[in-house]
Amino acid sequence: MDMKQLAAWVDEQGGVGRVELRQLRDAVDADKLGKLVMQRIARELSAHGLGYFPREVLDDNDQPRQHQSVRLYRKGTGQTARAIEAVLEPSDVGDAFLNDLNTDNAREMLSRIRELVGTTD
């Protein structure tokens, strides 16, 4: 699966999906996972409108392994993406958005998102 196909797959999943680093390595047609390949993966994901978490798996991983996984999401679309971004990149606008979600269903969704991104605040 190349990066364009991977982006389409994320959309088919409803905007969020889990992939292993080996799939991302293959999507950028690389042989091994290393610092430069990880940087390339991050750039390609962004170029295709995708975000990822936990971020440290791509951004700060000194020993990437093909079986490690990240969650990909379609950036800037839908409430789930906005909630993920509000948790990953705290801001006043993000806080207001999260507060607007303050219903029983939204609290449950926010709790699950915080679990996924590894944030407890």
C-alpha atoms as a PDB file:
ATOM      1  CA  MET A   1       0.000   0.000   0.000  1.00  0.00           C
ATOM      2  CA  ASP A   2       1.459   3.371  -0.961  1.00  0.00           C
ATOM      3  CA  MET A   3       0.795   6.578   0.960  1.00  0.00           C
ATOM      4  CA  LYS A   4      -2.151   7.593  -1.231  1.00  0.00           C
ATOM      5  CA  GLN A   5      -3.788   4.200  -0.669  1.00  0.00           C
ATOM      6  CA  LEU A   6      -3.033   4.423   3.046  1.00  0.00           C
ATOM      7  CA  ALA A   7      -4.774   7.807   3.217  1.00  0.00           C
ATOM      8  CA  ALA A   8      -7.806   6.343   1.435  1.00  0.00           C
ATOM      9  CA  TRP A   9      -7.793   3.423   3.896  1.00  0.00           C
ATOM     10  CA  VAL A  10      -7.861   5.829   6.860  1.00  0.00           C
ATOM     11  CA  ASP A  11     -10.891   7.512   5.313  1.00  0.00           C
ATOM     12  CA  GLU A  12     -12.577   4.131   4.826  1.00  0.00           C
ATOM     13  CA  GLN A  13     -11.997   3.383   8.525  1.00  0.00           C
ATOM     14  CA  GLY A  14     -13.953   6.482   9.463  1.00  0.00           C
ATOM     15  CA  GLY A  15     -10.974   8.793   9.878  1.00  0.00           C
ATOM     16  CA  VAL A  16      -8.850   6.847  12.408  1.00  0.00           C
ATOM     17  CA  GLY A  17      -6.901   3.609  12.002  1.00  0.00           C
ATOM     18  CA  ARG A  18      -3.923   1.713  13.444  1.00  0.00           C
ATOM     19  CA  VAL A  19      -0.898   0.808  11.330  1.00  0.00           C
ATOM     20  CA  GLU A  20       2.459  -0.759  12.055  1.00  0.00           C
ATOM     21  CA  LEU A  21       5.718   0.964  11.207  1.00  0.00           C
ATOM     22  CA  ARG A  22       6.486  -1.708   8.618  1.00  0.00           C
ATOM     23  CA  GLN A  23       3.377  -0.608   6.698  1.00  0.00           C
ATOM     24  CA  LEU A  24       4.516   3.011   6.812  1.00  0.00           C
ATOM     25  CA  ARG A  25       8.052   2.003   5.782  1.00  0.00           C
ATOM     26  CA  ASP A  26       6.607   0.151   2.795  1.00  0.00           C
ATOM     27  CA  ALA A  27       4.322   3.094   1.938  1.00  0.00           C
ATOM     28  CA  VAL A  28       7.388   5.309   1.413  1.00  0.00           C
ATOM     29  CA  ASP A  29       9.253   2.509  -0.396  1.00  0.00           C
ATOM     30  CA  ALA A  30      12.093   2.263   2.124  1.00  0.00           C
ATOM     31  CA  ASP A  31      14.121  -0.794   3.077  1.00  0.00           C
ATOM     32  CA  LYS A  32      14.853  -0.078   6.750  1.00  0.00           C
ATOM     33  CA  LEU A  33      13.472   2.040   9.538  1.00  0.00           C
ATOM     34  CA  GLY A  34      15.907   4.722  10.602  1.00  0.00           C
ATOM     35  CA  LYS A  35      15.884   8.371  11.596  1.00  0.00           C
ATOM     36  CA  LEU A  36      15.717   9.704   8.031  1.00  0.00           C
ATOM     37  CA  VAL A  37      13.018   7.222   7.003  1.00  0.00           C
ATOM     38  CA  MET A  38      10.976   8.117  10.099  1.00  0.00           C
ATOM     39  CA  GLN A  39      11.261  11.816   9.200  1.00  0.00           C
ATOM     40  CA  ARG A  40      10.210  11.032   5.637  1.00  0.00           C
ATOM     41  CA  ILE A  41       7.205   9.062   6.879  1.00  0.00           C
ATOM     42  CA  ALA A  42       6.114  12.007   9.051  1.00  0.00           C
ATOM     43  CA  ARG A  43       6.442  14.427   6.104  1.00  0.00           C
ATOM     44  CA  GLU A  44       4.544  12.116   3.749  1.00  0.00           C
ATOM     45  CA  LEU A  45       1.740  11.603   6.257  1.00  0.00           C
ATOM     46  CA  SER A  46       1.362  15.354   6.642  1.00  0.00           C
ATOM     47  CA  ALA A  47       1.455  15.857   2.863  1.00  0.00           C
ATOM     48  CA  HIS A  48      -1.454  13.425   2.575  1.00  0.00           C
ATOM     49  CA  GLY A  49      -3.478  15.186   5.296  1.00  0.00           C
ATOM     50  CA  LEU A  50      -2.796  12.599   7.983  1.00  0.00           C
ATOM     51  CA  GLY A  51      -1.746  13.034  11.588  1.00  0.00           C
ATOM     52  CA  TYR A  52      -0.471  10.345  13.943  1.00  0.00           C
ATOM     53  CA  PHE A  53      -0.160   9.443  17.590  1.00  0.00           C
ATOM     54  CA  PRO A  54       1.534   8.609  19.828  1.00  0.00           C
ATOM     55  CA  ARG A  55       3.936  11.056  18.262  1.00  0.00           C
ATOM     56  CA  GLU A  56       7.032   9.752  19.984  1.00  0.00           C
ATOM     57  CA  VAL A  57       6.840   6.524  17.947  1.00  0.00           C
ATOM     58  CA  LEU A  58       7.821   8.480  14.812  1.00  0.00           C
ATOM     59  CA  ASP A  59       9.360  11.662  16.202  1.00  0.00           C
ATOM     60  CA  ASP A  60      11.593  10.492  19.064  1.00  0.00           C
ATOM     61  CA  ASN A  61      12.159   6.798  18.446  1.00  0.00           C
ATOM     62  CA  ASP A  62      15.858   5.894  18.707  1.00  0.00           C
ATOM     63  CA  GLN A  63      15.203   2.242  17.895  1.00  0.00           C
ATOM     64  CA  PRO A  64      12.140   1.952  15.641  1.00  0.00           C
ATOM     65  CA  ARG A  65      10.826  -1.566  15.194  1.00  0.00           C
ATOM     66  CA  GLN A  66       8.581  -2.693  12.366  1.00  0.00           C
ATOM     67  CA  HIS A  67       5.962  -4.123  14.748  1.00  0.00           C
ATOM     68  CA  GLN A  68       5.470  -0.828  16.626  1.00  0.00           C
ATOM     69  CA  SER A  69       2.240   0.903  15.729  1.00  0.00           C
ATOM     70  CA  VAL A  70       0.683   4.343  15.535  1.00  0.00           C
ATOM     71  CA  ARG A  71      -2.842   5.563  15.056  1.00  0.00           C
ATOM     72  CA  LEU A  72      -3.372   7.608  11.915  1.00  0.00           C
ATOM     73  CA  TYR A  73      -6.162  10.136  11.620  1.00  0.00           C
ATOM     74  CA  ARG A  74      -7.451  12.488   8.949  1.00  0.00           C
ATOM     75  CA  LYS A  75      -6.321  15.929  10.125  1.00  0.00           C
ATOM     76  CA  GLY A  76      -8.767  18.785  10.525  1.00  0.00           C
ATOM     77  CA  THR A  77     -11.927  16.890   9.663  1.00  0.00           C
ATOM     78  CA  GLY A  78     -14.713  15.933  11.980  1.00  0.00           C
ATOM     79  CA  GLN A  79     -15.075  16.127  15.712  1.00  0.00           C
ATOM     80  CA  THR A  80     -12.792  13.179  16.407  1.00  0.00           C
ATOM     81  CA  ALA A  81      -9.867  14.811  14.580  1.00  0.00           C
ATOM     82  CA  ARG A  82     -10.544  18.117  16.295  1.00  0.00           C
ATOM     83  CA  ALA A  83     -10.638  16.393  19.690  1.00  0.00           C
ATOM     84  CA  ILE A  84      -7.404  14.489  19.000  1.00  0.00           C
ATOM     85  CA  GLU A  85      -5.685  17.696  17.928  1.00  0.00           C
ATOM     86  CA  ALA A  86      -7.045  19.564  20.953  1.00  0.00           C
ATOM     87  CA  VAL A  87      -5.519  16.943  23.250  1.00  0.00           C
ATOM     88  CA  LEU A  88      -2.204  16.682  21.348  1.00  0.00           C
ATOM     89  CA  GLU A  89      -1.783  20.437  20.889  1.00  0.00           C
ATOM     90  CA  PRO A  90      -3.410  22.189  23.867  1.00  0.00           C
ATOM     91  CA  SER A  91      -4.751  25.673  23.166  1.00  0.00           C
ATOM     92  CA  ASP A  92      -7.533  27.967  24.303  1.00  0.00           C
ATOM     93  CA  VAL A  93      -9.473  27.170  21.121  1.00  0.00           C
ATOM     94  CA  GLY A  94      -8.975  23.452  21.722  1.00  0.00           C
ATOM     95  CA  ASP A  95     -10.081  23.801  25.339  1.00  0.00           C
ATOM     96  CA  ALA A  96     -13.240  25.600  24.234  1.00  0.00           C
ATOM     97  CA  PHE A  97     -13.963  22.858  21.709  1.00  0.00           C
ATOM     98  CA  LEU A  98     -13.486  20.153  24.324  1.00  0.00           C
ATOM     99  CA  ASN A  99     -15.705  22.020  26.776  1.00  0.00           C
ATOM    100  CA  ASP A 100     -18.400  22.228  24.104  1.00  0.00           C
ATOM    101  CA  LEU A 101     -18.291  18.432  23.937  1.00  0.00           C
ATOM    102  CA  ASN A 102     -19.201  18.266  27.600  1.00  0.00           C
ATOM    103  CA  THR A 103     -22.033  15.750  27.344  1.00  0.00           C
ATOM    104  CA  ASP A 104     -22.100  12.171  28.619  1.00  0.00           C
ATOM    105  CA  ASN A 105     -21.296  10.726  25.174  1.00  0.00           C
ATOM    106  CA  ALA A 106     -18.665  13.365  24.496  1.00  0.00           C
ATOM    107  CA  ARG A 107     -17.007  12.813  27.889  1.00  0.00           C
ATOM    108  CA  GLU A 108     -16.758   9.114  27.109  1.00  0.00           C
ATOM    109  CA  MET A 109     -15.315   9.847  23.669  1.00  0.00           C
ATOM    110  CA  LEU A 110     -12.817  12.321  25.124  1.00  0.00           C
ATOM    111  CA  SER A 111     -11.776   9.812  27.776  1.00  0.00           C
ATOM    112  CA  ARG A 112     -11.126   7.184  25.085  1.00  0.00           C
ATOM    113  CA  ILE A 113      -9.143   9.686  22.997  1.00  0.00           C
ATOM    114  CA  ARG A 114      -7.040  10.650  26.008  1.00  0.00           C
ATOM    115  CA  GLU A 115      -6.348   6.970  26.675  1.00  0.00           C
ATOM    116  CA  LEU A 116      -5.249   6.473  23.062  1.00  0.00           C
ATOM    117  CA  VAL A 117      -2.910   9.467  23.016  1.00  0.00           C
ATOM    118  CA  GLY A 118      -1.600   8.711  26.505  1.00  0.00           C
ATOM    119  CA  THR A 119      -2.796  11.895  28.189  1.00  0.00           C
ATOM    120  CA  THR A 120      -4.463  11.881  31.604  1.00  0.00           C
ATOM    121  CA  ASP A 121      -4.929  15.636  32.167  1.00  0.00           C
END
